[in-house]
Amino acid sequence: MKKRSGRSGRRRPRLVFETLIRASIAYTSGLTASDSGGVTIAEVLRQAWKRLAHKQWLIFYPLTLAVINMLAFLAVYSAGGGDLHWSKFFVANFERWHFVSDKFFTGFSFTPALGIAVFVGLAVCLFTAMLKAPLFRAIAGPGYPLAPRSWEEAGRLSLFYVFFYLVVLILPLAVPLGTAVDQVIQVAALVVALLLVYADYVIVFEGLSFLAALRRSVRLLSRRWPPVLVIFMILQLVALALNRLYGLYYERAEGVFLLVPLSEILVWSFISLVLDLLFIFLYEQVRNSPS
């Protein structure tokens, strides 16, 4: 299969950017235990592993969400006139933001396909809220909740994800790839993602409104922001390496072997779960530390 070309001959790295959004939520209370109220990186990893070892069924939350995201893209892909041959679909799924950019932002116009894409996007935000809220509580507490505690909580969390994905994922697609404006918007989007590192956790665990959660996230981050950048760079390298590995396969394969996209779903679901385990432990530390 020949390498697909975009508007500037480069592919928008869908998996890298989506993972970096979650990676940018990384925070630690300190790199050494000498800081007041701080924890070591080793302690963060130990606590995350301890929680994972005691609650192995947590993987089904991000796995379910990954399947929903894939089915949602299938709806957008078919509405956009994509070839429904499963090999071509999985290649497009790997490059989903490249597909969205070409179909809906190049030569922008209001079409039925765009309406379907908007509806699907809103539905994904709702499903994300419906799965993330119980996941967060399953990580932090006993049992395996199956739903948010209330529709009000689900609504606040859905609103946050709509705002978050619009700013961090959708808006950067509206400018030509590789331009100076594109670089500025990409950096600005990541800064926004960093500032909102704890917003969804705050909505779930503290019950704050959308705007109050945004302000609370910024305040929590401001207490010790340098470690955020350190963890972010490490996770960026991991994400880039994995994206490159899968990218080489999809670019060179004559046909997609079904186990490859399935392994992709499993790998990113596991990474998403581990990140949430780390982030919630770190959120608890910074939330309970002295201001």
Protein backbone atom coordinates (compact mmCIF):
# COMPACT_ATOMS: atom_id res chain seq x y z
CA MET A 1 0.00 0.00 0.00
CA LYS A 2 1.49 3.29 -1.01
CA LYS A 3 1.94 6.09 1.46
CA ARG A 4 -1.04 8.37 1.52
CA SER A 5 -0.43 12.04 0.88
CA GLY A 6 -2.16 14.94 2.55
CA ARG A 7 -2.39 18.61 1.78
CA SER A 8 1.32 19.10 2.42
CA GLY A 9 2.53 15.52 2.04
CA ARG A 10 2.50 14.93 5.76
CA ARG A 11 0.09 12.99 7.91
CA ARG A 12 -1.55 14.43 10.97
CA PRO A 13 -0.50 11.95 13.69
CA ARG A 14 -3.89 11.02 15.10
CA LEU A 15 -2.74 8.59 17.77
CA VAL A 16 0.22 10.69 18.81
CA PHE A 17 -1.84 13.81 19.28
CA GLU A 18 -4.70 12.10 21.08
CA THR A 19 -2.28 10.38 23.42
CA LEU A 20 -0.38 13.59 23.98
CA ILE A 21 -3.61 15.23 25.08
CA ARG A 22 -3.89 12.68 27.84
CA ALA A 23 -0.13 12.74 28.37
CA SER A 24 -0.29 16.50 28.82
CA ILE A 25 -2.54 15.91 31.80
CA ALA A 26 0.45 14.35 33.58
CA TYR A 27 1.44 15.97 36.85
CA THR A 28 3.55 15.00 39.83
CA SER A 29 3.97 16.68 43.17
CA GLY A 30 7.76 16.59 42.89
CA LEU A 31 10.69 14.67 41.51
CA THR A 32 12.09 13.98 44.98
CA ALA A 33 10.53 13.25 48.32
CA SER A 34 12.28 16.23 49.86
CA ASP A 35 9.55 18.60 48.74
CA SER A 36 6.85 19.27 51.30
CA GLY A 37 3.99 16.93 50.52
CA GLY A 38 5.85 15.64 47.48
CA VAL A 39 6.15 12.08 46.23
CA THR A 40 8.80 10.32 44.19
CA ILE A 41 8.19 9.13 40.68
CA ALA A 42 8.84 5.60 41.97
CA GLU A 43 6.07 6.04 44.51
CA VAL A 44 3.68 7.25 41.82
CA LEU A 45 4.43 4.18 39.70
CA ARG A 46 4.18 1.86 42.70
CA GLN A 47 0.77 3.20 43.68
CA ALA A 48 -0.50 3.01 40.11
CA TRP A 49 0.69 -0.57 39.76
CA LYS A 50 -0.85 -1.46 43.13
CA ARG A 51 -4.23 -0.17 42.04
CA LEU A 52 -3.99 -1.95 38.69
CA ALA A 53 -2.99 -5.23 40.31
CA HIS A 54 -6.00 -5.12 42.63
CA LYS A 55 -8.51 -4.06 39.97
CA GLN A 56 -7.66 -5.83 36.72
CA TRP A 57 -11.15 -5.34 35.26
CA LEU A 58 -10.53 -1.61 34.91
CA ILE A 59 -9.24 -2.25 31.40
CA PHE A 60 -12.79 -2.78 30.17
CA TYR A 61 -13.65 0.92 30.62
CA PRO A 62 -11.04 2.30 28.19
CA LEU A 63 -11.43 -0.75 25.95
CA THR A 64 -15.17 -0.10 25.62
CA LEU A 65 -14.50 3.56 24.90
CA ALA A 66 -11.93 2.64 22.25
CA VAL A 67 -14.46 0.41 20.48
CA ILE A 68 -17.08 3.19 20.64
CA ASN A 69 -14.58 5.66 19.14
CA MET A 70 -13.80 3.26 16.33
CA LEU A 71 -17.49 2.70 15.56
CA ALA A 72 -18.05 6.46 15.69
CA PHE A 73 -15.31 6.99 13.14
CA LEU A 74 -16.84 4.23 11.01
CA ALA A 75 -20.06 6.29 10.87
CA VAL A 76 -18.13 9.44 9.93
CA TYR A 77 -15.98 7.52 7.43
CA SER A 78 -18.97 6.01 5.65
CA ALA A 79 -20.84 9.34 5.65
CA GLY A 80 -17.75 10.96 4.08
CA GLY A 81 -17.75 8.46 1.23
CA GLY A 82 -14.91 6.29 2.47
CA ASP A 83 -14.29 2.84 1.01
CA LEU A 84 -15.83 0.32 3.43
CA HIS A 85 -13.30 -2.39 2.66
CA TRP A 86 -12.03 -3.30 6.12
CA SER A 87 -8.31 -2.89 5.26
CA LYS A 88 -8.86 0.63 3.92
CA PHE A 89 -11.05 1.48 6.89
CA PHE A 90 -8.40 0.48 9.43
CA VAL A 91 -5.77 2.52 7.59
CA ALA A 92 -8.13 5.51 7.60
CA ASN A 93 -8.92 4.87 11.27
CA PHE A 94 -5.22 5.12 12.08
CA GLU A 95 -5.12 8.45 10.22
CA ARG A 96 -8.58 9.55 11.33
CA TRP A 97 -7.78 13.23 11.89
CA HIS A 98 -6.12 13.40 8.48
CA PHE A 99 -9.35 12.01 7.01
CA VAL A 100 -11.51 14.47 8.98
CA SER A 101 -9.31 17.38 7.92
CA ASP A 102 -9.44 16.47 4.22
CA LYS A 103 -13.16 15.70 4.14
CA PHE A 104 -14.58 18.48 6.27
CA PHE A 105 -12.05 21.33 6.42
CA THR A 106 -10.57 21.35 2.93
CA GLY A 107 -13.15 23.18 0.84
CA PHE A 108 -15.43 23.60 3.85
CA SER A 109 -19.17 23.49 3.21
CA PHE A 110 -22.30 22.51 5.10
CA THR A 111 -23.21 19.00 3.95
CA PRO A 112 -25.25 16.10 5.37
CA ALA A 113 -21.94 14.30 6.03
CA LEU A 114 -20.77 17.24 8.16
CA GLY A 115 -24.03 17.12 10.12
CA ILE A 116 -23.50 13.42 10.79
CA ALA A 117 -19.91 14.10 11.89
CA VAL A 118 -21.05 16.80 14.33
CA PHE A 119 -23.76 14.54 15.77
CA VAL A 120 -21.32 11.65 16.14
CA GLY A 121 -18.78 13.93 17.82
CA LEU A 122 -21.32 15.11 20.39
CA ALA A 123 -22.40 11.52 21.01
CA VAL A 124 -18.77 10.48 21.57
CA CYS A 125 -18.37 13.25 24.16
CA LEU A 126 -21.46 11.95 25.98
CA PHE A 127 -20.26 8.34 25.87
CA THR A 128 -16.83 9.47 27.06
CA ALA A 129 -18.41 11.16 30.06
CA MET A 130 -20.62 8.14 30.75
CA LEU A 131 -17.55 5.87 30.86
CA LYS A 132 -14.92 8.17 32.33
CA ALA A 133 -16.90 9.15 35.44
CA PRO A 134 -17.36 5.55 36.64
CA LEU A 135 -13.78 4.73 35.61
CA PHE A 136 -12.42 7.53 37.78
CA ARG A 137 -14.44 6.32 40.76
CA ALA A 138 -13.47 2.71 40.13
CA ILE A 139 -9.81 3.73 40.24
CA ALA A 140 -10.17 5.82 43.39
CA GLY A 141 -12.63 3.67 45.32
CA PRO A 142 -14.16 0.23 45.72
CA GLY A 143 -16.19 -1.65 43.15
CA TYR A 144 -16.81 -1.02 39.48
CA PRO A 145 -19.48 1.67 38.98
CA LEU A 146 -21.37 1.41 35.72
CA ALA A 147 -22.54 5.00 35.27
CA PRO A 148 -22.06 8.57 36.53
CA ARG A 149 -23.80 9.41 39.79
CA SER A 150 -26.28 11.71 38.08
CA TRP A 151 -27.27 13.08 34.71
CA GLU A 152 -26.11 16.48 35.94
CA GLU A 153 -22.60 15.13 36.45
CA ALA A 154 -22.69 13.47 33.03
CA GLY A 155 -23.82 16.76 31.50
CA ARG A 156 -21.01 18.78 33.11
CA LEU A 157 -18.42 16.23 32.05
CA SER A 158 -19.83 16.04 28.52
CA LEU A 159 -19.68 19.83 28.23
CA PHE A 160 -16.05 19.77 29.31
CA TYR A 161 -15.13 17.14 26.70
CA VAL A 162 -16.94 19.06 23.96
CA PHE A 163 -14.95 22.18 24.84
CA PHE A 164 -11.71 20.26 25.31
CA TYR A 165 -11.83 18.38 22.02
CA LEU A 166 -12.97 21.43 20.07
CA VAL A 167 -10.02 23.50 21.30
CA VAL A 168 -7.34 20.83 21.35
CA LEU A 169 -8.29 18.57 18.44
CA ILE A 170 -10.72 20.22 16.05
CA LEU A 171 -9.51 23.83 15.82
CA PRO A 172 -5.93 22.86 14.81
CA LEU A 173 -7.41 21.03 11.81
CA ALA A 174 -8.86 24.27 10.45
CA VAL A 175 -5.49 25.67 9.34
CA PRO A 176 -3.10 24.30 6.68
CA LEU A 177 -0.67 21.75 8.07
CA GLY A 178 2.97 22.81 8.37
CA THR A 179 2.39 26.58 8.29
CA ALA A 180 3.52 29.03 10.96
CA VAL A 181 -0.09 29.51 12.05
CA ASP A 182 -0.46 25.75 12.39
CA GLN A 183 2.58 25.58 14.67
CA VAL A 184 1.28 28.42 16.86
CA ILE A 185 -2.15 26.82 17.18
CA GLN A 186 -0.65 23.41 17.96
CA VAL A 187 1.43 24.91 20.77
CA ALA A 188 -1.54 26.91 22.06
CA ALA A 189 -3.72 23.77 22.05
CA LEU A 190 -1.17 21.87 24.11
CA VAL A 191 -0.89 24.77 26.56
CA VAL A 192 -4.66 24.68 26.99
CA ALA A 193 -4.50 20.92 27.53
CA LEU A 194 -1.87 21.42 30.23
CA LEU A 195 -3.88 24.11 31.98
CA LEU A 196 -6.91 21.83 32.06
CA VAL A 197 -5.00 18.82 33.33
CA TYR A 198 -7.32 18.08 36.25
CA ALA A 199 -10.62 19.52 35.04
CA ASP A 200 -12.42 16.22 34.42
CA TYR A 201 -11.22 14.79 37.73
CA VAL A 202 -12.36 17.95 39.51
CA ILE A 203 -15.82 17.67 37.96
CA VAL A 204 -16.17 14.07 39.14
CA PHE A 205 -14.52 14.18 42.57
CA GLU A 206 -15.31 17.73 43.66
CA GLY A 207 -18.63 18.23 41.89
CA LEU A 208 -17.72 21.65 40.51
CA SER A 209 -19.37 23.29 37.54
CA PHE A 210 -17.69 23.49 34.14
CA LEU A 211 -16.12 26.94 34.53
CA ALA A 212 -15.24 26.41 38.19
CA ALA A 213 -13.50 23.14 37.28
CA LEU A 214 -11.40 24.92 34.67
CA ARG A 215 -10.25 27.51 37.20
CA ARG A 216 -9.60 24.82 39.82
CA SER A 217 -7.46 22.83 37.37
CA VAL A 218 -5.30 25.87 36.62
CA ARG A 219 -4.80 26.54 40.34
CA LEU A 220 -3.82 22.93 41.05
CA LEU A 221 -1.36 22.90 38.17
CA SER A 222 0.22 26.19 39.25
CA ARG A 223 1.39 24.70 42.55
CA ARG A 224 4.18 22.68 40.90
CA TRP A 225 4.21 22.93 37.11
CA PRO A 226 7.84 22.04 36.09
CA PRO A 227 7.42 18.25 36.63
CA VAL A 228 4.50 18.36 34.21
CA LEU A 229 6.85 19.22 31.37
CA VAL A 230 9.30 16.46 32.32
CA ILE A 231 6.64 13.75 32.35
CA PHE A 232 5.10 15.19 29.20
CA MET A 233 8.34 14.91 27.23
CA ILE A 234 8.88 11.31 28.32
CA LEU A 235 5.38 10.30 27.32
CA GLN A 236 5.72 12.22 24.06
CA LEU A 237 8.68 10.06 23.08
CA VAL A 238 6.76 6.87 23.91
CA ALA A 239 3.74 8.03 21.92
CA LEU A 240 5.84 9.02 18.91
CA ALA A 241 7.64 5.68 18.92
CA LEU A 242 4.41 3.67 19.01
CA ASN A 243 2.80 5.83 16.36
CA ARG A 244 5.83 5.39 14.13
CA LEU A 245 5.77 1.62 14.63
CA TYR A 246 2.11 1.28 13.61
CA GLY A 247 2.53 3.90 10.89
CA LEU A 248 5.27 1.90 9.18
CA TYR A 249 3.02 -1.15 9.08
CA TYR A 250 0.00 0.67 7.66
CA GLU A 251 2.11 2.44 5.03
CA ARG A 252 3.80 -0.72 3.75
CA ALA A 253 1.16 -3.42 4.16
CA GLU A 254 -0.65 -4.63 1.06
CA GLY A 255 -3.58 -5.63 3.25
CA VAL A 256 -4.22 -5.10 6.94
CA PHE A 257 -3.90 -8.17 9.16
CA LEU A 258 -6.86 -7.98 11.55
CA LEU A 259 -4.79 -8.64 14.68
CA VAL A 260 -2.76 -5.45 14.08
CA PRO A 261 -5.63 -2.95 14.56
CA LEU A 262 -6.94 -5.11 17.41
CA SER A 263 -3.54 -4.93 19.10
CA GLU A 264 -3.56 -1.18 18.47
CA ILE A 265 -6.87 -0.87 20.33
CA LEU A 266 -5.55 -2.97 23.22
CA VAL A 267 -2.24 -1.10 23.48
CA TRP A 268 -3.78 2.37 23.51
CA SER A 269 -6.53 1.26 25.88
CA PHE A 270 -3.92 -0.02 28.31
CA ILE A 271 -1.87 3.17 27.99
CA SER A 272 -4.99 5.25 28.60
CA LEU A 273 -5.79 3.23 31.73
CA VAL A 274 -2.23 3.50 33.09
CA LEU A 275 -2.26 7.25 32.50
CA ASP A 276 -5.53 7.65 34.37
CA LEU A 277 -4.16 5.55 37.23
CA LEU A 278 -1.11 7.83 37.43
CA PHE A 279 -3.06 11.04 36.98
CA ILE A 280 -5.66 10.29 39.64
CA PHE A 281 -2.99 9.40 42.18
CA LEU A 282 -1.15 12.61 41.34
CA TYR A 283 -4.38 14.59 41.48
CA GLU A 284 -5.06 13.25 44.96
CA GLN A 285 -1.55 14.24 46.04
CA VAL A 286 -1.70 17.81 44.76
CA ARG A 287 -5.29 18.25 45.95
CA ASN A 288 -4.36 17.27 49.50
CA SER A 289 -1.01 19.05 49.61
CA PRO A 290 -0.63 22.49 51.25
CA SER A 291 -1.29 25.41 48.91
